[in-house]
Amino acid sequence: MKVFGPIYERTLRWAQHRNATWLLAFLSFIEAIFFPIPPEVMLAPMCLAQPKRGFWFAGVSLAASMVGAVIGYYLGHYAYEALKPVLSSLHMLDKIEQGIAVVREKSAASPWSVFWFLVLAGFSPIPMKVFTWASGIVGVPMLPFLASMLVGRGKRVFLIALAIRLGGERAERALHRYIEPVGWTALVILAALVGYLIWKA
């Protein structure tokens, strides 16, 4: 947390800004391309401050994430080799190359394997940008890519809005405390699902 701590604290302060909705959209957009801090860090306190607008905030975050995902996809598809030095300087290159290997493996297994992998990856602790770039580099078809990003990221942000609407501050604290185990549980489910799909193929 020493590397990203200052960025994390700044993002929390953005949630109190009078233009917080626009800042949330901007954060969601750049996080899908290169930024290290997920938009939930800003979304959760905004939902807590205005619970009746929580679903609106979640929708804004999702829409901006989708635009960022498309840009990340096309950057991966058309400019990956040229941007490798930049990605390396941002400490993204190794993670993206790992993502490429996994996405390529799931794509080779079956179209459903890569779709469900990306859906559950959207709910995991692994940054969204890894999979937007990797999907573009591998050449995952655009329609299943968009559908998987929409479902994967959508369930994440709307679940946060719903939990805070129902549970208030206690829910926000629980989300911060348990986001890691929840994410890894999703990855275990993903592994089981992909294994089943490969076995059925």
N, C-alpha and C. Protein backbone atom coordinates (compact mmCIF):
# COMPACT_ATOMS: atom_id res chain seq x y z
N MET A 1 0.83 -1.21 0.00
CA MET A 1 0.00 0.00 0.00
C MET A 1 0.86 1.26 0.00
N LYS A 2 2.17 1.10 0.21
CA LYS A 2 3.04 2.28 0.23
C LYS A 2 3.09 2.96 -1.13
N VAL A 3 3.01 2.17 -2.20
CA VAL A 3 3.08 2.75 -3.54
C VAL A 3 1.79 3.48 -3.88
N PHE A 4 0.66 2.84 -3.60
CA PHE A 4 -0.63 3.38 -4.03
C PHE A 4 -1.38 4.13 -2.93
N GLY A 5 -0.81 4.17 -1.71
CA GLY A 5 -1.48 4.82 -0.60
C GLY A 5 -1.89 6.26 -0.87
N PRO A 6 -0.96 7.10 -1.34
CA PRO A 6 -1.33 8.50 -1.62
C PRO A 6 -2.43 8.63 -2.67
N ILE A 7 -2.38 7.77 -3.70
CA ILE A 7 -3.43 7.81 -4.73
C ILE A 7 -4.76 7.40 -4.12
N TYR A 8 -4.72 6.38 -3.27
CA TYR A 8 -5.93 5.90 -2.61
C TYR A 8 -6.56 7.02 -1.77
N GLU A 9 -5.75 7.72 -0.99
CA GLU A 9 -6.27 8.79 -0.15
C GLU A 9 -6.84 9.93 -1.00
N ARG A 10 -6.19 10.26 -2.10
CA ARG A 10 -6.68 11.31 -2.98
C ARG A 10 -8.04 10.92 -3.58
N THR A 11 -8.17 9.65 -3.94
CA THR A 11 -9.43 9.18 -4.52
C THR A 11 -10.57 9.29 -3.51
N LEU A 12 -10.28 8.99 -2.26
CA LEU A 12 -11.31 9.14 -1.22
C LEU A 12 -11.74 10.61 -1.09
N ARG A 13 -10.79 11.53 -1.22
CA ARG A 13 -11.14 12.96 -1.13
C ARG A 13 -12.00 13.39 -2.32
N TRP A 14 -11.78 12.77 -3.48
CA TRP A 14 -12.60 13.09 -4.65
C TRP A 14 -14.08 12.84 -4.37
N ALA A 15 -14.37 11.84 -3.54
CA ALA A 15 -15.77 11.49 -3.26
C ALA A 15 -16.52 12.63 -2.57
N GLN A 16 -15.79 13.55 -1.94
CA GLN A 16 -16.42 14.67 -1.24
C GLN A 16 -16.52 15.92 -2.12
N HIS A 17 -15.99 15.85 -3.32
CA HIS A 17 -15.94 17.03 -4.20
C HIS A 17 -17.33 17.34 -4.75
N ARG A 18 -17.58 18.62 -5.04
CA ARG A 18 -18.90 19.00 -5.57
C ARG A 18 -19.14 18.43 -6.96
N ASN A 19 -18.07 18.11 -7.68
CA ASN A 19 -18.19 17.46 -8.99
C ASN A 19 -17.87 15.97 -8.89
N ALA A 20 -18.27 15.37 -7.77
CA ALA A 20 -17.89 13.98 -7.52
C ALA A 20 -18.40 13.02 -8.60
N THR A 21 -19.60 13.27 -9.15
CA THR A 21 -20.14 12.36 -10.17
C THR A 21 -19.25 12.34 -11.40
N TRP A 22 -18.79 13.52 -11.83
CA TRP A 22 -17.90 13.58 -12.98
C TRP A 22 -16.55 12.94 -12.66
N LEU A 23 -16.08 13.15 -11.45
CA LEU A 23 -14.81 12.54 -11.06
C LEU A 23 -14.94 11.02 -10.99
N LEU A 24 -16.09 10.52 -10.53
CA LEU A 24 -16.33 9.08 -10.51
C LEU A 24 -16.30 8.51 -11.93
N ALA A 25 -16.95 9.22 -12.86
CA ALA A 25 -16.96 8.77 -14.26
C ALA A 25 -15.53 8.75 -14.81
N PHE A 26 -14.77 9.79 -14.50
CA PHE A 26 -13.39 9.87 -14.99
C PHE A 26 -12.55 8.75 -14.41
N LEU A 27 -12.68 8.51 -13.11
CA LEU A 27 -11.93 7.43 -12.46
C LEU A 27 -12.30 6.07 -13.05
N SER A 28 -13.60 5.83 -13.27
CA SER A 28 -14.05 4.56 -13.83
C SER A 28 -13.49 4.36 -15.24
N PHE A 29 -13.45 5.45 -15.99
CA PHE A 29 -12.95 5.41 -17.36
C PHE A 29 -11.46 5.08 -17.40
N ILE A 30 -10.65 5.81 -16.62
CA ILE A 30 -9.20 5.60 -16.70
C ILE A 30 -8.78 4.30 -16.02
N GLU A 31 -9.58 3.83 -15.03
CA GLU A 31 -9.23 2.57 -14.36
C GLU A 31 -9.32 1.41 -15.33
N ALA A 32 -10.23 1.48 -16.29
CA ALA A 32 -10.38 0.40 -17.27
C ALA A 32 -9.23 0.38 -18.27
N ILE A 33 -8.41 1.45 -18.28
CA ILE A 33 -7.31 1.55 -19.24
C ILE A 33 -5.95 1.42 -18.56
N PHE A 34 -5.72 2.19 -17.45
CA PHE A 34 -4.38 2.15 -16.86
C PHE A 34 -4.33 2.47 -15.38
N PHE A 35 -5.36 3.08 -14.78
CA PHE A 35 -5.25 3.61 -13.42
C PHE A 35 -5.31 2.48 -12.39
N PRO A 36 -4.50 2.53 -11.30
CA PRO A 36 -4.41 1.41 -10.37
C PRO A 36 -5.51 1.31 -9.33
N ILE A 37 -6.30 2.37 -9.11
CA ILE A 37 -7.29 2.38 -8.03
C ILE A 37 -8.68 2.14 -8.62
N PRO A 38 -9.43 1.13 -8.12
CA PRO A 38 -10.76 0.84 -8.67
C PRO A 38 -11.78 1.91 -8.28
N PRO A 39 -12.81 2.11 -9.10
CA PRO A 39 -13.79 3.16 -8.82
C PRO A 39 -14.63 2.90 -7.58
N GLU A 40 -14.67 1.66 -7.09
CA GLU A 40 -15.44 1.38 -5.88
C GLU A 40 -14.95 2.18 -4.68
N VAL A 41 -13.67 2.54 -4.68
CA VAL A 41 -13.11 3.33 -3.59
C VAL A 41 -13.84 4.67 -3.47
N MET A 42 -14.26 5.21 -4.60
CA MET A 42 -14.99 6.48 -4.62
C MET A 42 -16.49 6.25 -4.61
N LEU A 43 -16.94 5.18 -5.28
CA LEU A 43 -18.37 4.89 -5.36
C LEU A 43 -18.98 4.63 -3.99
N ALA A 44 -18.31 3.84 -3.14
CA ALA A 44 -18.88 3.46 -1.85
C ALA A 44 -19.19 4.67 -0.96
N PRO A 45 -18.23 5.59 -0.73
CA PRO A 45 -18.58 6.74 0.11
C PRO A 45 -19.62 7.66 -0.52
N MET A 46 -19.67 7.73 -1.87
CA MET A 46 -20.70 8.53 -2.51
C MET A 46 -22.08 7.93 -2.28
N CYS A 47 -22.17 6.60 -2.37
CA CYS A 47 -23.45 5.92 -2.10
C CYS A 47 -23.86 6.08 -0.64
N LEU A 48 -22.87 6.07 0.23
CA LEU A 48 -23.16 6.24 1.65
C LEU A 48 -23.68 7.64 1.94
N ALA A 49 -23.10 8.65 1.28
CA ALA A 49 -23.51 10.03 1.51
C ALA A 49 -24.90 10.31 0.94
N GLN A 50 -25.23 9.68 -0.20
CA GLN A 50 -26.52 9.90 -0.85
C GLN A 50 -27.10 8.53 -1.28
N PRO A 51 -27.60 7.74 -0.33
CA PRO A 51 -28.03 6.38 -0.65
C PRO A 51 -29.11 6.29 -1.72
N LYS A 52 -29.99 7.29 -1.81
CA LYS A 52 -31.06 7.25 -2.80
C LYS A 52 -30.54 7.43 -4.23
N ARG A 53 -29.34 7.96 -4.36
CA ARG A 53 -28.73 8.14 -5.68
C ARG A 53 -27.68 7.08 -5.98
N GLY A 54 -27.61 6.08 -5.11
CA GLY A 54 -26.57 5.05 -5.25
C GLY A 54 -26.61 4.33 -6.59
N PHE A 55 -27.81 3.96 -7.05
CA PHE A 55 -27.91 3.24 -8.31
C PHE A 55 -27.55 4.14 -9.49
N TRP A 56 -27.85 5.43 -9.38
CA TRP A 56 -27.44 6.38 -10.41
C TRP A 56 -25.91 6.45 -10.48
N PHE A 57 -25.26 6.56 -9.31
CA PHE A 57 -23.80 6.59 -9.28
C PHE A 57 -23.22 5.30 -9.88
N ALA A 58 -23.82 4.17 -9.53
CA ALA A 58 -23.35 2.89 -10.07
C ALA A 58 -23.49 2.85 -11.59
N GLY A 59 -24.60 3.38 -12.10
CA GLY A 59 -24.81 3.42 -13.54
C GLY A 59 -23.80 4.31 -14.25
N VAL A 60 -23.49 5.45 -13.65
CA VAL A 60 -22.47 6.35 -14.21
C VAL A 60 -21.12 5.64 -14.26
N SER A 61 -20.77 4.98 -13.16
CA SER A 61 -19.50 4.27 -13.10
C SER A 61 -19.44 3.17 -14.15
N LEU A 62 -20.52 2.42 -14.29
CA LEU A 62 -20.55 1.33 -15.26
C LEU A 62 -20.41 1.84 -16.69
N ALA A 63 -21.16 2.90 -17.01
CA ALA A 63 -21.11 3.45 -18.38
C ALA A 63 -19.70 3.93 -18.72
N ALA A 64 -19.07 4.64 -17.79
CA ALA A 64 -17.72 5.14 -18.04
C ALA A 64 -16.71 3.99 -18.13
N SER A 65 -16.90 2.96 -17.30
CA SER A 65 -16.02 1.78 -17.37
C SER A 65 -16.13 1.09 -18.72
N MET A 66 -17.34 1.03 -19.27
CA MET A 66 -17.54 0.37 -20.57
C MET A 66 -16.82 1.14 -21.68
N VAL A 67 -16.89 2.47 -21.63
CA VAL A 67 -16.18 3.27 -22.64
C VAL A 67 -14.67 3.04 -22.50
N GLY A 68 -14.18 3.05 -21.26
CA GLY A 68 -12.77 2.79 -21.03
C GLY A 68 -12.35 1.40 -21.47
N ALA A 69 -13.25 0.42 -21.25
CA ALA A 69 -12.94 -0.96 -21.66
C ALA A 69 -12.77 -1.07 -23.17
N VAL A 70 -13.62 -0.37 -23.91
CA VAL A 70 -13.51 -0.40 -25.38
C VAL A 70 -12.19 0.22 -25.83
N ILE A 71 -11.81 1.34 -25.21
CA ILE A 71 -10.55 1.98 -25.57
C ILE A 71 -9.37 1.08 -25.21
N GLY A 72 -9.41 0.48 -24.02
CA GLY A 72 -8.36 -0.46 -23.63
C GLY A 72 -8.26 -1.63 -24.58
N TYR A 73 -9.42 -2.13 -25.01
CA TYR A 73 -9.46 -3.25 -25.97
C TYR A 73 -8.76 -2.87 -27.27
N TYR A 74 -9.11 -1.70 -27.82
CA TYR A 74 -8.54 -1.29 -29.11
C TYR A 74 -7.07 -0.91 -28.99
N LEU A 75 -6.67 -0.35 -27.84
CA LEU A 75 -5.25 -0.10 -27.63
C LEU A 75 -4.48 -1.41 -27.62
N GLY A 76 -5.05 -2.42 -26.95
CA GLY A 76 -4.41 -3.73 -26.95
C GLY A 76 -4.35 -4.34 -28.34
N HIS A 77 -5.43 -4.19 -29.08
CA HIS A 77 -5.53 -4.81 -30.40
C HIS A 77 -4.59 -4.17 -31.42
N TYR A 78 -4.48 -2.85 -31.37
CA TYR A 78 -3.75 -2.15 -32.42
C TYR A 78 -2.41 -1.54 -31.99
N ALA A 79 -2.21 -1.33 -30.71
CA ALA A 79 -1.03 -0.56 -30.30
C ALA A 79 -0.22 -1.23 -29.19
N TYR A 80 -0.45 -2.51 -28.94
CA TYR A 80 0.22 -3.17 -27.82
C TYR A 80 1.74 -3.12 -27.95
N GLU A 81 2.26 -3.51 -29.10
CA GLU A 81 3.72 -3.55 -29.27
C GLU A 81 4.33 -2.15 -29.12
N ALA A 82 3.67 -1.16 -29.70
CA ALA A 82 4.20 0.20 -29.63
C ALA A 82 4.17 0.75 -28.21
N LEU A 83 3.19 0.32 -27.41
CA LEU A 83 3.01 0.87 -26.07
C LEU A 83 3.66 0.03 -24.97
N LYS A 84 4.37 -1.01 -25.35
CA LYS A 84 5.00 -1.87 -24.33
C LYS A 84 5.91 -1.09 -23.37
N PRO A 85 6.74 -0.15 -23.85
CA PRO A 85 7.57 0.61 -22.90
C PRO A 85 6.74 1.41 -21.89
N VAL A 86 5.63 1.99 -22.36
CA VAL A 86 4.76 2.75 -21.46
C VAL A 86 4.13 1.82 -20.44
N LEU A 87 3.63 0.67 -20.89
CA LEU A 87 3.02 -0.31 -19.98
C LEU A 87 4.02 -0.82 -18.96
N SER A 88 5.26 -0.99 -19.39
CA SER A 88 6.30 -1.44 -18.47
C SER A 88 6.56 -0.39 -17.40
N SER A 89 6.57 0.88 -17.80
CA SER A 89 6.81 1.96 -16.83
C SER A 89 5.66 2.09 -15.84
N LEU A 90 4.46 1.67 -16.25
CA LEU A 90 3.29 1.70 -15.37
C LEU A 90 3.14 0.40 -14.57
N HIS A 91 4.11 -0.51 -14.69
CA HIS A 91 4.09 -1.81 -13.99
C HIS A 91 2.87 -2.64 -14.38
N MET A 92 2.44 -2.50 -15.63
CA MET A 92 1.28 -3.26 -16.12
C MET A 92 1.67 -4.41 -17.03
N LEU A 93 2.87 -4.39 -17.59
CA LEU A 93 3.23 -5.31 -18.66
C LEU A 93 3.17 -6.77 -18.22
N ASP A 94 3.75 -7.09 -17.07
CA ASP A 94 3.75 -8.49 -16.61
C ASP A 94 2.33 -9.00 -16.38
N LYS A 95 1.49 -8.16 -15.76
CA LYS A 95 0.10 -8.59 -15.49
C LYS A 95 -0.66 -8.79 -16.79
N ILE A 96 -0.45 -7.91 -17.76
CA ILE A 96 -1.15 -8.04 -19.03
C ILE A 96 -0.70 -9.30 -19.76
N GLU A 97 0.59 -9.60 -19.72
CA GLU A 97 1.07 -10.80 -20.39
C GLU A 97 0.52 -12.05 -19.73
N GLN A 98 0.36 -12.03 -18.41
CA GLN A 98 -0.28 -13.15 -17.73
C GLN A 98 -1.75 -13.25 -18.16
N GLY A 99 -2.41 -12.08 -18.25
CA GLY A 99 -3.80 -12.06 -18.70
C GLY A 99 -3.94 -12.58 -20.11
N ILE A 100 -3.00 -12.25 -20.98
CA ILE A 100 -3.04 -12.73 -22.37
C ILE A 100 -3.03 -14.25 -22.40
N ALA A 101 -2.14 -14.85 -21.60
CA ALA A 101 -2.03 -16.31 -21.59
C ALA A 101 -3.34 -16.97 -21.16
N VAL A 102 -3.96 -16.41 -20.12
CA VAL A 102 -5.20 -17.01 -19.62
C VAL A 102 -6.35 -16.79 -20.60
N VAL A 103 -6.49 -15.56 -21.12
CA VAL A 103 -7.58 -15.28 -22.06
C VAL A 103 -7.42 -16.11 -23.33
N ARG A 104 -6.18 -16.27 -23.80
CA ARG A 104 -5.95 -17.08 -25.00
C ARG A 104 -6.33 -18.54 -24.74
N GLU A 105 -6.00 -19.04 -23.55
CA GLU A 105 -6.34 -20.41 -23.20
C GLU A 105 -7.85 -20.62 -23.15
N LYS A 106 -8.56 -19.67 -22.53
CA LYS A 106 -10.02 -19.80 -22.43
C LYS A 106 -10.67 -19.65 -23.80
N SER A 107 -10.12 -18.77 -24.64
CA SER A 107 -10.67 -18.59 -25.98
C SER A 107 -10.51 -19.85 -26.80
N ALA A 108 -9.39 -20.55 -26.62
CA ALA A 108 -9.15 -21.78 -27.36
C ALA A 108 -10.08 -22.89 -26.91
N ALA A 109 -10.48 -22.87 -25.63
CA ALA A 109 -11.34 -23.92 -25.11
C ALA A 109 -12.73 -23.85 -25.73
N SER A 110 -13.38 -22.68 -25.61
CA SER A 110 -14.70 -22.48 -26.21
C SER A 110 -15.10 -21.02 -26.01
N PRO A 111 -16.01 -20.50 -26.85
CA PRO A 111 -16.46 -19.12 -26.66
C PRO A 111 -17.08 -18.89 -25.29
N TRP A 112 -17.80 -19.89 -24.77
CA TRP A 112 -18.44 -19.73 -23.46
C TRP A 112 -17.41 -19.66 -22.34
N SER A 113 -16.29 -20.39 -22.51
CA SER A 113 -15.25 -20.37 -21.48
C SER A 113 -14.71 -18.96 -21.28
N VAL A 114 -14.37 -18.28 -22.39
CA VAL A 114 -13.80 -16.94 -22.25
C VAL A 114 -14.86 -15.95 -21.76
N PHE A 115 -16.12 -16.12 -22.19
CA PHE A 115 -17.17 -15.21 -21.72
C PHE A 115 -17.32 -15.30 -20.21
N TRP A 116 -17.48 -16.52 -19.69
CA TRP A 116 -17.70 -16.67 -18.25
C TRP A 116 -16.45 -16.31 -17.46
N PHE A 117 -15.29 -16.57 -18.04
CA PHE A 117 -14.06 -16.15 -17.37
C PHE A 117 -14.03 -14.64 -17.19
N LEU A 118 -14.35 -13.90 -18.25
CA LEU A 118 -14.33 -12.44 -18.17
C LEU A 118 -15.43 -11.90 -17.26
N VAL A 119 -16.59 -12.57 -17.24
CA VAL A 119 -17.67 -12.16 -16.33
C VAL A 119 -17.19 -12.23 -14.89
N LEU A 120 -16.63 -13.36 -14.50
CA LEU A 120 -16.19 -13.51 -13.12
C LEU A 120 -14.93 -12.70 -12.83
N ALA A 121 -14.09 -12.51 -13.85
CA ALA A 121 -12.91 -11.67 -13.66
C ALA A 121 -13.29 -10.24 -13.31
N GLY A 122 -14.45 -9.79 -13.82
CA GLY A 122 -14.93 -8.45 -13.51
C GLY A 122 -15.27 -8.26 -12.05
N PHE A 123 -15.42 -9.37 -11.31
CA PHE A 123 -15.76 -9.29 -9.89
C PHE A 123 -14.58 -9.66 -9.00
N SER A 124 -13.43 -9.92 -9.63
CA SER A 124 -12.26 -10.36 -8.87
C SER A 124 -11.38 -9.16 -8.49
N PRO A 125 -10.38 -9.39 -7.63
CA PRO A 125 -9.47 -8.30 -7.27
C PRO A 125 -8.52 -7.91 -8.40
N ILE A 126 -8.43 -8.71 -9.47
CA ILE A 126 -7.54 -8.41 -10.58
C ILE A 126 -8.08 -7.20 -11.32
N PRO A 127 -7.25 -6.18 -11.58
CA PRO A 127 -7.75 -4.95 -12.21
C PRO A 127 -8.40 -5.19 -13.57
N MET A 128 -9.46 -4.45 -13.84
CA MET A 128 -10.21 -4.58 -15.09
C MET A 128 -9.32 -4.34 -16.30
N LYS A 129 -8.37 -3.41 -16.18
CA LYS A 129 -7.54 -3.04 -17.33
C LYS A 129 -6.73 -4.22 -17.86
N VAL A 130 -6.36 -5.15 -16.99
CA VAL A 130 -5.61 -6.33 -17.44
C VAL A 130 -6.40 -7.09 -18.49
N PHE A 131 -7.71 -7.22 -18.26
CA PHE A 131 -8.53 -8.02 -19.16
C PHE A 131 -9.02 -7.24 -20.37
N THR A 132 -9.13 -5.91 -20.25
CA THR A 132 -9.49 -5.14 -21.44
C THR A 132 -8.35 -5.19 -22.46
N TRP A 133 -7.12 -4.99 -21.99
CA TRP A 133 -5.97 -5.07 -22.89
C TRP A 133 -5.79 -6.49 -23.41
N ALA A 134 -5.83 -7.47 -22.53
CA ALA A 134 -5.59 -8.86 -22.94
C ALA A 134 -6.63 -9.31 -23.96
N SER A 135 -7.89 -8.92 -23.77
CA SER A 135 -8.94 -9.31 -24.71
C SER A 135 -8.70 -8.72 -26.09
N GLY A 136 -8.26 -7.45 -26.14
CA GLY A 136 -7.95 -6.83 -27.42
C GLY A 136 -6.76 -7.48 -28.09
N ILE A 137 -5.73 -7.81 -27.32
CA ILE A 137 -4.53 -8.42 -27.87
C ILE A 137 -4.84 -9.80 -28.44
N VAL A 138 -5.63 -10.59 -27.71
CA VAL A 138 -5.99 -11.93 -28.16
C VAL A 138 -6.99 -11.88 -29.31
N GLY A 139 -7.84 -10.84 -29.31
CA GLY A 139 -8.86 -10.73 -30.35
C GLY A 139 -10.16 -11.39 -29.98
N VAL A 140 -10.53 -11.32 -28.69
CA VAL A 140 -11.85 -11.81 -28.27
C VAL A 140 -12.91 -11.05 -29.06
N PRO A 141 -13.91 -11.73 -29.64
CA PRO A 141 -14.95 -11.01 -30.39
C PRO A 141 -15.60 -9.91 -29.56
N MET A 142 -15.88 -8.78 -30.20
CA MET A 142 -16.32 -7.60 -29.48
C MET A 142 -17.62 -7.81 -28.71
N LEU A 143 -18.60 -8.48 -29.31
CA LEU A 143 -19.90 -8.62 -28.64
C LEU A 143 -19.80 -9.41 -27.33
N PRO A 144 -19.19 -10.61 -27.33
CA PRO A 144 -19.04 -11.28 -26.03
C PRO A 144 -18.15 -10.53 -25.06
N PHE A 145 -17.15 -9.81 -25.58
CA PHE A 145 -16.30 -9.01 -24.70
C PHE A 145 -17.13 -7.94 -23.99
N LEU A 146 -17.92 -7.18 -24.75
CA LEU A 146 -18.74 -6.13 -24.16
C LEU A 146 -19.76 -6.71 -23.19
N ALA A 147 -20.39 -7.83 -23.57
CA ALA A 147 -21.39 -8.45 -22.70
C ALA A 147 -20.77 -8.90 -21.38
N SER A 148 -19.58 -9.48 -21.45
CA SER A 148 -18.92 -9.96 -20.23
C SER A 148 -18.49 -8.79 -19.34
N MET A 149 -17.99 -7.71 -19.95
CA MET A 149 -17.61 -6.54 -19.16
C MET A 149 -18.84 -5.90 -18.50
N LEU A 150 -19.95 -5.84 -19.26
CA LEU A 150 -21.17 -5.25 -18.74
C LEU A 150 -21.70 -6.02 -17.54
N VAL A 151 -21.73 -7.34 -17.65
CA VAL A 151 -22.23 -8.17 -16.55
C VAL A 151 -21.25 -8.18 -15.39
N GLY A 152 -19.96 -8.40 -15.70
CA GLY A 152 -18.96 -8.52 -14.64
C GLY A 152 -18.81 -7.25 -13.83
N ARG A 153 -18.60 -6.11 -14.49
CA ARG A 153 -18.44 -4.86 -13.76
C ARG A 153 -19.78 -4.37 -13.21
N GLY A 154 -20.86 -4.61 -13.98
CA GLY A 154 -22.17 -4.14 -13.54
C GLY A 154 -22.61 -4.75 -12.23
N LYS A 155 -22.44 -6.06 -12.10
CA LYS A 155 -22.88 -6.69 -10.85
C LYS A 155 -22.04 -6.20 -9.67
N ARG A 156 -20.79 -5.84 -9.95
CA ARG A 156 -19.92 -5.36 -8.88
C ARG A 156 -20.37 -4.00 -8.36
N VAL A 157 -20.56 -3.03 -9.26
CA VAL A 157 -20.90 -1.68 -8.80
C VAL A 157 -22.34 -1.61 -8.27
N PHE A 158 -23.26 -2.34 -8.90
CA PHE A 158 -24.65 -2.29 -8.41
C PHE A 158 -24.81 -3.06 -7.10
N LEU A 159 -24.00 -4.09 -6.89
CA LEU A 159 -24.03 -4.79 -5.61
C LEU A 159 -23.57 -3.87 -4.49
N ILE A 160 -22.55 -3.07 -4.76
CA ILE A 160 -22.08 -2.11 -3.76
C ILE A 160 -23.17 -1.09 -3.44
N ALA A 161 -23.81 -0.55 -4.49
CA ALA A 161 -24.88 0.42 -4.27
C ALA A 161 -26.03 -0.19 -3.48
N LEU A 162 -26.41 -1.43 -3.81
CA LEU A 162 -27.50 -2.10 -3.11
C LEU A 162 -27.14 -2.38 -1.66
N ALA A 163 -25.92 -2.89 -1.44
CA ALA A 163 -25.51 -3.22 -0.07
C ALA A 163 -25.49 -1.99 0.82
N ILE A 164 -24.99 -0.87 0.29
CA ILE A 164 -24.93 0.35 1.10
C ILE A 164 -26.33 0.93 1.29
N ARG A 165 -27.20 0.79 0.28
CA ARG A 165 -28.59 1.25 0.43
C ARG A 165 -29.29 0.48 1.55
N LEU A 166 -29.00 -0.82 1.64
CA LEU A 166 -29.67 -1.66 2.64
C LEU A 166 -28.96 -1.61 4.00
N GLY A 167 -27.62 -1.54 3.97
CA GLY A 167 -26.88 -1.69 5.22
C GLY A 167 -26.16 -0.47 5.71
N GLY A 168 -26.11 0.61 4.90
CA GLY A 168 -25.50 1.85 5.34
C GLY A 168 -24.01 1.72 5.62
N GLU A 169 -23.54 2.44 6.63
CA GLU A 169 -22.11 2.50 6.93
C GLU A 169 -21.54 1.14 7.29
N ARG A 170 -22.33 0.32 7.95
CA ARG A 170 -21.85 -1.02 8.31
C ARG A 170 -21.54 -1.83 7.05
N ALA A 171 -22.38 -1.70 6.03
CA ALA A 171 -22.15 -2.41 4.77
C ALA A 171 -20.88 -1.91 4.09
N GLU A 172 -20.65 -0.59 4.13
CA GLU A 172 -19.44 -0.06 3.50
C GLU A 172 -18.19 -0.62 4.18
N ARG A 173 -18.20 -0.66 5.52
CA ARG A 173 -17.05 -1.22 6.24
C ARG A 173 -16.84 -2.69 5.90
N ALA A 174 -17.95 -3.43 5.80
CA ALA A 174 -17.86 -4.85 5.47
C ALA A 174 -17.31 -5.06 4.07
N LEU A 175 -17.74 -4.21 3.11
CA LEU A 175 -17.24 -4.32 1.74
C LEU A 175 -15.74 -4.10 1.69
N HIS A 176 -15.26 -3.10 2.43
CA HIS A 176 -13.82 -2.84 2.45
C HIS A 176 -13.07 -3.99 3.10
N ARG A 177 -13.67 -4.59 4.11
CA ARG A 177 -12.99 -5.65 4.85
C ARG A 177 -12.95 -6.96 4.08
N TYR A 178 -14.05 -7.27 3.36
CA TYR A 178 -14.18 -8.60 2.75
C TYR A 178 -14.04 -8.62 1.23
N ILE A 179 -13.66 -7.49 0.60
CA ILE A 179 -13.59 -7.48 -0.86
C ILE A 179 -12.58 -8.50 -1.39
N GLU A 180 -11.46 -8.69 -0.69
CA GLU A 180 -10.46 -9.66 -1.15
C GLU A 180 -10.99 -11.09 -1.11
N PRO A 181 -11.51 -11.59 0.05
CA PRO A 181 -12.02 -12.97 0.03
C PRO A 181 -13.17 -13.18 -0.93
N VAL A 182 -14.03 -12.15 -1.08
CA VAL A 182 -15.13 -12.28 -2.03
C VAL A 182 -14.58 -12.43 -3.45
N GLY A 183 -13.58 -11.63 -3.77
CA GLY A 183 -12.97 -11.71 -5.10
C GLY A 183 -12.32 -13.06 -5.35
N TRP A 184 -11.57 -13.56 -4.37
CA TRP A 184 -10.91 -14.85 -4.58
C TRP A 184 -11.92 -15.99 -4.62
N THR A 185 -13.02 -15.86 -3.88
CA THR A 185 -14.08 -16.86 -3.99
C THR A 185 -14.63 -16.91 -5.40
N ALA A 186 -14.80 -15.71 -6.00
CA ALA A 186 -15.27 -15.65 -7.38
C ALA A 186 -14.30 -16.35 -8.31
N LEU A 187 -12.99 -16.22 -8.06
CA LEU A 187 -12.01 -16.88 -8.92
C LEU A 187 -12.07 -18.40 -8.77
N VAL A 188 -12.31 -18.89 -7.56
CA VAL A 188 -12.46 -20.33 -7.36
C VAL A 188 -13.67 -20.85 -8.13
N ILE A 189 -14.77 -20.11 -8.04
CA ILE A 189 -15.97 -20.48 -8.79
C ILE A 189 -15.68 -20.47 -10.29
N LEU A 190 -14.93 -19.44 -10.72
CA LEU A 190 -14.56 -19.34 -12.13
C LEU A 190 -13.78 -20.57 -12.57
N ALA A 191 -12.78 -20.98 -11.78
CA ALA A 191 -11.96 -22.13 -12.15
C ALA A 191 -12.82 -23.38 -12.27
N ALA A 192 -13.76 -23.56 -11.33
CA ALA A 192 -14.64 -24.72 -11.37
C ALA A 192 -15.53 -24.67 -12.61
N LEU A 193 -16.07 -23.48 -12.93
CA LEU A 193 -16.96 -23.33 -14.08
C LEU A 193 -16.22 -23.59 -15.38
N VAL A 194 -15.04 -23.00 -15.53
CA VAL A 194 -14.27 -23.21 -16.76
C VAL A 194 -13.88 -24.67 -16.91
N GLY A 195 -13.47 -25.31 -15.80
CA GLY A 195 -13.16 -26.73 -15.86
C GLY A 195 -14.34 -27.56 -16.32
N TYR A 196 -15.53 -27.21 -15.83
CA TYR A 196 -16.73 -27.92 -16.23
C TYR A 196 -17.03 -27.72 -17.72
N LEU A 197 -16.88 -26.48 -18.20
CA LEU A 197 -17.14 -26.19 -19.61
C LEU A 197 -16.15 -26.92 -20.51
N ILE A 198 -14.89 -26.98 -20.10
CA ILE A 198 -13.89 -27.70 -20.89
C ILE A 198 -14.20 -29.20 -20.90
N TRP A 199 -14.61 -29.70 -19.76
CA TRP A 199 -14.95 -31.13 -19.66
C TRP A 199 -16.15 -31.48 -20.54
N LYS A 200 -17.11 -30.53 -20.62
CA LYS A 200 -18.32 -30.77 -21.44
C LYS A 200 -18.03 -30.63 -22.92
N ALA A 201 -16.98 -29.83 -23.29
CA ALA A 201 -16.71 -29.55 -24.71
C ALA A 201 -16.28 -30.81 -25.46
